[in-house]
């Protein structure tokens, strides 16, 4: 089914591809895209929390 959401291609090495696939199957994601989106969101959340923590320490 076509989507109107923006999309792009990501090129990864074999090891990262395997890690993404392992994460996908372990967590029963319906597609590689769904798993990749959640991994990106998890990473962004972790970075945001780390930045908040760093700002709190510097105050």
N, C-alpha and C. Protein backbone atom coordinates (compact mmCIF):
# COMPACT_ATOMS: atom_id res chain seq x y z
N UNK A 1 0.84 -1.17 0.00
CA UNK A 1 0.00 0.00 0.00
C UNK A 1 0.89 1.25 0.00
N UNK A 2 0.70 2.17 -0.93
CA UNK A 2 1.51 3.38 -0.99
C UNK A 2 1.31 4.24 0.26
N UNK A 3 2.33 5.00 0.59
CA UNK A 3 2.23 5.90 1.75
C UNK A 3 2.60 7.32 1.34
N UNK A 4 2.04 8.28 2.04
CA UNK A 4 2.38 9.68 1.79
C UNK A 4 3.48 10.15 2.75
N UNK A 5 3.92 9.27 3.64
CA UNK A 5 4.97 9.62 4.59
C UNK A 5 6.29 9.79 3.85
N UNK A 6 7.13 10.73 4.32
CA UNK A 6 8.45 10.87 3.71
C UNK A 6 9.25 9.57 3.92
N UNK A 7 10.11 9.26 2.99
CA UNK A 7 10.95 8.08 3.13
C UNK A 7 12.30 8.31 2.47
N UNK A 8 13.28 7.53 2.91
CA UNK A 8 14.62 7.61 2.33
C UNK A 8 15.34 6.28 2.55
N UNK A 9 16.44 6.13 1.90
CA UNK A 9 17.22 4.90 1.98
C UNK A 9 18.38 5.08 2.95
N UNK A 10 18.64 4.06 3.74
CA UNK A 10 19.78 4.06 4.65
C UNK A 10 20.66 2.88 4.27
N UNK A 11 21.93 3.14 4.13
CA UNK A 11 22.88 2.09 3.78
C UNK A 11 23.71 1.76 5.01
N UNK A 12 23.74 0.49 5.38
CA UNK A 12 24.48 0.05 6.57
C UNK A 12 25.40 -1.11 6.19
N UNK A 13 26.38 -1.34 7.06
CA UNK A 13 27.25 -2.48 6.80
C UNK A 13 26.56 -3.78 7.24
N UNK A 14 27.17 -4.91 6.92
CA UNK A 14 26.57 -6.22 7.19
C UNK A 14 26.29 -6.44 8.67
N UNK A 15 27.22 -6.02 9.53
CA UNK A 15 27.06 -6.23 10.97
C UNK A 15 25.87 -5.45 11.52
N UNK A 16 25.74 -4.19 11.13
CA UNK A 16 24.61 -3.39 11.61
C UNK A 16 23.30 -3.93 11.05
N UNK A 17 23.32 -4.36 9.81
CA UNK A 17 22.12 -4.96 9.20
C UNK A 17 21.68 -6.18 10.01
N UNK A 18 22.63 -7.01 10.38
CA UNK A 18 22.31 -8.20 11.18
C UNK A 18 21.73 -7.81 12.53
N UNK A 19 22.30 -6.79 13.16
CA UNK A 19 21.79 -6.34 14.47
C UNK A 19 20.37 -5.81 14.35
N UNK A 20 20.09 -5.07 13.29
CA UNK A 20 18.73 -4.56 13.07
C UNK A 20 17.76 -5.72 12.85
N UNK A 21 18.16 -6.67 12.04
CA UNK A 21 17.31 -7.84 11.78
C UNK A 21 17.08 -8.66 13.05
N UNK A 22 18.12 -8.85 13.85
CA UNK A 22 17.98 -9.57 15.11
C UNK A 22 17.00 -8.85 16.03
N UNK A 23 17.13 -7.54 16.13
CA UNK A 23 16.21 -6.73 16.94
C UNK A 23 14.79 -6.87 16.41
N UNK A 24 14.65 -6.81 15.11
CA UNK A 24 13.33 -6.93 14.48
C UNK A 24 12.65 -8.24 14.85
N UNK A 25 13.34 -9.34 14.66
CA UNK A 25 12.73 -10.65 14.90
C UNK A 25 12.54 -10.94 16.38
N UNK A 26 13.50 -10.51 17.20
CA UNK A 26 13.38 -10.72 18.64
C UNK A 26 12.16 -10.00 19.20
N UNK A 27 11.86 -8.82 18.66
CA UNK A 27 10.77 -8.00 19.15
C UNK A 27 9.51 -8.08 18.27
N UNK A 28 9.54 -8.99 17.31
CA UNK A 28 8.38 -9.29 16.46
C UNK A 28 7.80 -8.09 15.71
N UNK A 29 8.68 -7.28 15.15
CA UNK A 29 8.22 -6.16 14.32
C UNK A 29 7.72 -6.70 12.99
N UNK A 30 6.68 -6.10 12.43
CA UNK A 30 6.12 -6.59 11.17
C UNK A 30 7.00 -6.30 9.95
N UNK A 31 7.91 -5.32 10.10
CA UNK A 31 8.76 -4.96 8.96
C UNK A 31 10.09 -4.40 9.45
N UNK A 32 11.06 -4.39 8.58
CA UNK A 32 12.36 -3.80 8.88
C UNK A 32 12.20 -2.30 9.12
N UNK A 33 11.34 -1.66 8.35
CA UNK A 33 11.11 -0.23 8.53
C UNK A 33 10.57 0.09 9.91
N UNK A 34 9.61 -0.69 10.38
CA UNK A 34 9.03 -0.44 11.71
C UNK A 34 10.10 -0.59 12.79
N UNK A 35 10.92 -1.60 12.68
CA UNK A 35 11.99 -1.81 13.65
C UNK A 35 13.00 -0.66 13.60
N UNK A 36 13.37 -0.24 12.40
CA UNK A 36 14.34 0.84 12.24
C UNK A 36 13.80 2.15 12.79
N UNK A 37 12.54 2.45 12.56
CA UNK A 37 11.94 3.67 13.10
C UNK A 37 11.99 3.65 14.62
N UNK A 38 11.64 2.53 15.24
CA UNK A 38 11.68 2.45 16.70
C UNK A 38 13.12 2.57 17.21
N UNK A 39 14.08 1.97 16.53
CA UNK A 39 15.47 2.11 16.95
C UNK A 39 15.92 3.57 16.87
N UNK A 40 15.52 4.27 15.84
CA UNK A 40 15.85 5.70 15.71
C UNK A 40 15.21 6.49 16.85
N UNK A 41 13.93 6.22 17.12
CA UNK A 41 13.24 6.93 18.20
C UNK A 41 13.87 6.64 19.55
N UNK A 42 14.23 5.38 19.80
CA UNK A 42 14.91 5.03 21.06
C UNK A 42 16.25 5.76 21.19
N UNK A 43 17.00 5.82 20.11
CA UNK A 43 18.28 6.52 20.12
C UNK A 43 18.11 8.01 20.34
N UNK A 44 17.13 8.61 19.69
CA UNK A 44 16.89 10.04 19.85
C UNK A 44 16.45 10.35 21.29
N UNK A 45 15.61 9.50 21.86
CA UNK A 45 15.16 9.69 23.23
C UNK A 45 16.35 9.60 24.20
N UNK A 46 17.21 8.63 23.99
CA UNK A 46 18.39 8.47 24.84
C UNK A 46 19.30 9.69 24.76
N UNK A 47 19.49 10.22 23.57
CA UNK A 47 20.34 11.41 23.39
C UNK A 47 19.71 12.61 24.08
N UNK A 48 18.39 12.79 23.92
CA UNK A 48 17.71 13.91 24.56
C UNK A 48 17.81 13.83 26.08
N UNK A 49 17.65 12.63 26.63
CA UNK A 49 17.76 12.45 28.08
C UNK A 49 19.19 12.73 28.55
N UNK A 50 20.15 12.30 27.77
CA UNK A 50 21.55 12.54 28.12
C UNK A 50 21.85 14.04 28.09
N UNK A 51 21.32 14.75 27.09
CA UNK A 51 21.54 16.19 27.00
C UNK A 51 20.89 16.93 28.16
N UNK A 52 19.69 16.52 28.56
CA UNK A 52 19.02 17.13 29.71
C UNK A 52 19.85 16.91 30.98
N UNK A 53 20.35 15.70 31.13
CA UNK A 53 21.16 15.36 32.29
C UNK A 53 22.44 16.19 32.31
N UNK A 54 23.07 16.36 31.16
CA UNK A 54 24.30 17.15 31.06
C UNK A 54 24.04 18.61 31.39
N UNK A 55 22.93 19.15 30.93
CA UNK A 55 22.58 20.54 31.23
C UNK A 55 22.32 20.72 32.72
N UNK A 56 21.68 19.74 33.35
CA UNK A 56 21.41 19.80 34.77
C UNK A 56 22.67 19.78 35.59
N UNK A 57 23.68 19.06 35.13
CA UNK A 57 24.95 18.98 35.85
C UNK A 57 25.77 20.25 35.71
N UNK A 58 25.59 20.96 34.61
CA UNK A 58 26.39 22.16 34.37
C UNK A 58 25.77 23.41 35.00
N UNK A 59 24.54 23.30 35.50
CA UNK A 59 23.88 24.47 36.13
C UNK A 59 24.38 24.70 37.54
